[in-house]
Amino acid sequence: EMLESNNIINFNGLANSSSYHTFLLDEERSRLYVGAKDHIFSFNLVNIKDYQKIVWPVSHSRRDECKWAGKDILRECANFIKVLKAYNQTHLYVCGTGAFHPVCTYIEVG
């Protein structure tokens, strides 16, 4: 039924990535934040085609350490975003796997 309504907009995302597991709905700002592999997306709820992308990859040294530990460099040695939390009116608290070295930061969204 939804497909037939022609109200669906496809998001193709990133090439070679299906890691869209972390979401935060911010009704106050009319935004949907989506955590992915090395990226955080911020979608405008009024016009979902309007989105911003924050790139947050791991450092080359962390990626190399991960590879040396025997992990798959393409599927495991990345910064998978796992936590998206509204911190205050201007910032989100965000954490990622950091290629098996977890890392967190504050991101200004105000």
C-alpha atoms as a PDB file:
ATOM      1  CA  GLU A   1       0.000   0.000   0.000  1.00  0.00           C
ATOM      2  CA  MET A   2       2.823   2.431   0.853  1.00  0.00           C
ATOM      3  CA  LEU A   3       4.598   1.651  -2.408  1.00  0.00           C
ATOM      4  CA  GLU A   4       1.445   2.314  -4.400  1.00  0.00           C
ATOM      5  CA  SER A   5       0.965   5.735  -2.777  1.00  0.00           C
ATOM      6  CA  ASN A   6       4.133   7.118  -4.452  1.00  0.00           C
ATOM      7  CA  ASN A   7       4.993   8.870  -1.176  1.00  0.00           C
ATOM      8  CA  ILE A   8       8.145   6.846  -0.572  1.00  0.00           C
ATOM      9  CA  ILE A   9      11.565   8.386  -1.069  1.00  0.00           C
ATOM     10  CA  ASN A  10      14.498   6.009  -1.379  1.00  0.00           C
ATOM     11  CA  PHE A  11      17.755   6.783   0.362  1.00  0.00           C
ATOM     12  CA  ASN A  12      20.621   5.039  -1.400  1.00  0.00           C
ATOM     13  CA  GLY A  13      23.094   5.864   1.340  1.00  0.00           C
ATOM     14  CA  LEU A  14      26.732   4.975   1.098  1.00  0.00           C
ATOM     15  CA  ALA A  15      28.300   2.553  -1.352  1.00  0.00           C
ATOM     16  CA  ASN A  16      29.223  -0.790   0.227  1.00  0.00           C
ATOM     17  CA  SER A  17      27.485  -0.032   3.516  1.00  0.00           C
ATOM     18  CA  SER A  18      24.314  -1.277   5.113  1.00  0.00           C
ATOM     19  CA  SER A  19      25.175  -0.236   8.665  1.00  0.00           C
ATOM     20  CA  TYR A  20      22.273   2.072   9.458  1.00  0.00           C
ATOM     21  CA  HIS A  21      21.368   0.866  12.949  1.00  0.00           C
ATOM     22  CA  THR A  22      21.381   3.929  15.191  1.00  0.00           C
ATOM     23  CA  PHE A  23      18.644   6.551  15.069  1.00  0.00           C
ATOM     24  CA  LEU A  24      17.682   9.671  16.964  1.00  0.00           C
ATOM     25  CA  LEU A  25      14.458  11.539  16.256  1.00  0.00           C
ATOM     26  CA  ASP A  26      14.745  15.208  17.211  1.00  0.00           C
ATOM     27  CA  GLU A  27      11.230  16.586  16.927  1.00  0.00           C
ATOM     28  CA  GLU A  28      12.274  19.969  18.321  1.00  0.00           C
ATOM     29  CA  ARG A  29      14.576  20.604  15.351  1.00  0.00           C
ATOM     30  CA  SER A  30      12.556  18.472  12.896  1.00  0.00           C
ATOM     31  CA  ARG A  31      15.580  16.254  12.259  1.00  0.00           C
ATOM     32  CA  LEU A  32      16.252  12.533  12.069  1.00  0.00           C
ATOM     33  CA  TYR A  33      19.850  11.574  12.850  1.00  0.00           C
ATOM     34  CA  VAL A  34      21.096   8.266  11.491  1.00  0.00           C
ATOM     35  CA  GLY A  35      24.371   6.651  12.496  1.00  0.00           C
ATOM     36  CA  ALA A  36      26.188   4.661   9.841  1.00  0.00           C
ATOM     37  CA  LYS A  37      29.658   3.414   8.967  1.00  0.00           C
ATOM     38  CA  ASP A  38      32.016   6.408   9.322  1.00  0.00           C
ATOM     39  CA  HIS A  39      29.096   8.839   8.909  1.00  0.00           C
ATOM     40  CA  ILE A  40      26.225  10.546  10.675  1.00  0.00           C
ATOM     41  CA  PHE A  41      23.300  11.709   8.558  1.00  0.00           C
ATOM     42  CA  SER A  42      20.941  14.505   9.555  1.00  0.00           C
ATOM     43  CA  PHE A  43      17.645  14.435   7.660  1.00  0.00           C
ATOM     44  CA  ASN A  44      15.148  17.287   7.551  1.00  0.00           C
ATOM     45  CA  LEU A  45      11.734  15.831   8.512  1.00  0.00           C
ATOM     46  CA  VAL A  46       9.868  18.450   6.492  1.00  0.00           C
ATOM     47  CA  ASN A  47      11.819  17.654   3.309  1.00  0.00           C
ATOM     48  CA  ILE A  48      13.537  14.284   3.742  1.00  0.00           C
ATOM     49  CA  LYS A  49      15.508  14.825   0.523  1.00  0.00           C
ATOM     50  CA  ASP A  50      17.305  17.626   2.349  1.00  0.00           C
ATOM     51  CA  TYR A  51      20.026  16.015   4.448  1.00  0.00           C
ATOM     52  CA  GLN A  52      23.506  16.721   5.717  1.00  0.00           C
ATOM     53  CA  LYS A  53      26.326  14.264   6.168  1.00  0.00           C
ATOM     54  CA  ILE A  54      29.027  14.355   8.825  1.00  0.00           C
ATOM     55  CA  VAL A  55      32.048  12.230   7.994  1.00  0.00           C
ATOM     56  CA  TRP A  56      33.710  10.617  11.032  1.00  0.00           C
ATOM     57  CA  PRO A  57      36.157   7.885   9.993  1.00  0.00           C
ATOM     58  CA  VAL A  58      38.788   6.221  12.141  1.00  0.00           C
ATOM     59  CA  SER A  59      42.390   7.345  11.854  1.00  0.00           C
ATOM     60  CA  HIS A  60      44.740   5.490   9.519  1.00  0.00           C
ATOM     61  CA  SER A  61      46.717   4.183  12.483  1.00  0.00           C
ATOM     62  CA  ARG A  62      43.580   2.718  14.132  1.00  0.00           C
ATOM     63  CA  ARG A  63      42.559   1.146  10.837  1.00  0.00           C
ATOM     64  CA  ASP A  64      46.024  -0.372  10.463  1.00  0.00           C
ATOM     65  CA  GLU A  65      45.950  -1.738  14.033  1.00  0.00           C
ATOM     66  CA  CYS A  66      42.591  -3.325  13.314  1.00  0.00           C
ATOM     67  CA  LYS A  67      43.915  -4.921  10.134  1.00  0.00           C
ATOM     68  CA  TRP A  68      47.016  -6.232  11.938  1.00  0.00           C
ATOM     69  CA  ALA A  69      44.718  -7.800  14.549  1.00  0.00           C
ATOM     70  CA  GLY A  70      43.268  -9.956  11.775  1.00  0.00           C
ATOM     71  CA  LYS A  71      40.009  -8.077  11.236  1.00  0.00           C
ATOM     72  CA  ASP A  72      38.453  -7.459   7.832  1.00  0.00           C
ATOM     73  CA  ILE A  73      39.544  -3.946   6.844  1.00  0.00           C
ATOM     74  CA  LEU A  74      36.425  -3.252   4.762  1.00  0.00           C
ATOM     75  CA  ARG A  75      33.766  -4.736   7.034  1.00  0.00           C
ATOM     76  CA  GLU A  76      35.157  -4.325  10.551  1.00  0.00           C
ATOM     77  CA  CYS A  77      37.867  -1.648  10.642  1.00  0.00           C
ATOM     78  CA  ALA A  78      35.667   1.422  10.631  1.00  0.00           C
ATOM     79  CA  ASN A  79      33.855   3.747  12.987  1.00  0.00           C
ATOM     80  CA  PHE A  80      30.362   2.299  13.273  1.00  0.00           C
ATOM     81  CA  ILE A  81      28.137   4.857  15.021  1.00  0.00           C
ATOM     82  CA  LYS A  82      26.409   3.173  17.972  1.00  0.00           C
ATOM     83  CA  VAL A  83      25.186   6.024  20.203  1.00  0.00           C
ATOM     84  CA  LEU A  84      23.262   9.160  19.218  1.00  0.00           C
ATOM     85  CA  LYS A  85      21.919  11.039  22.223  1.00  0.00           C
ATOM     86  CA  ALA A  86      20.620  14.578  22.611  1.00  0.00           C
ATOM     87  CA  TYR A  87      22.982  16.183  25.119  1.00  0.00           C
ATOM     88  CA  ASN A  88      21.542  19.682  25.336  1.00  0.00           C
ATOM     89  CA  GLN A  89      19.878  22.194  23.030  1.00  0.00           C
ATOM     90  CA  THR A  90      22.978  22.653  20.893  1.00  0.00           C
ATOM     91  CA  HIS A  91      24.861  19.339  20.979  1.00  0.00           C
ATOM     92  CA  LEU A  92      24.523  15.615  20.443  1.00  0.00           C
ATOM     93  CA  TYR A  93      26.625  13.055  22.282  1.00  0.00           C
ATOM     94  CA  VAL A  94      27.866  10.522  19.735  1.00  0.00           C
ATOM     95  CA  CYS A  95      29.895   7.329  20.130  1.00  0.00           C
ATOM     96  CA  GLY A  96      31.365   4.980  17.578  1.00  0.00           C
ATOM     97  CA  THR A  97      33.302   1.729  17.592  1.00  0.00           C
ATOM     98  CA  GLY A  98      36.504   3.407  16.380  1.00  0.00           C
ATOM     99  CA  ALA A  99      37.785   0.157  14.806  1.00  0.00           C
ATOM    100  CA  PHE A 100      37.663  -1.651  18.178  1.00  0.00           C
ATOM    101  CA  HIS A 101      38.833   1.476  20.069  1.00  0.00           C
ATOM    102  CA  PRO A 102      35.547   3.147  21.105  1.00  0.00           C
ATOM    103  CA  VAL A 103      35.429   6.902  20.765  1.00  0.00           C
ATOM    104  CA  CYS A 104      32.846   9.502  21.788  1.00  0.00           C
ATOM    105  CA  THR A 105      32.426  13.200  21.057  1.00  0.00           C
ATOM    106  CA  TYR A 106      29.978  16.086  21.141  1.00  0.00           C
ATOM    107  CA  ILE A 107      28.605  17.359  17.856  1.00  0.00           C
ATOM    108  CA  GLU A 108      27.152  20.834  17.568  1.00  0.00           C
ATOM    109  CA  VAL A 109      23.713  20.764  15.973  1.00  0.00           C
ATOM    110  CA  GLY A 110      22.324  24.115  17.136  1.00  0.00           C
END
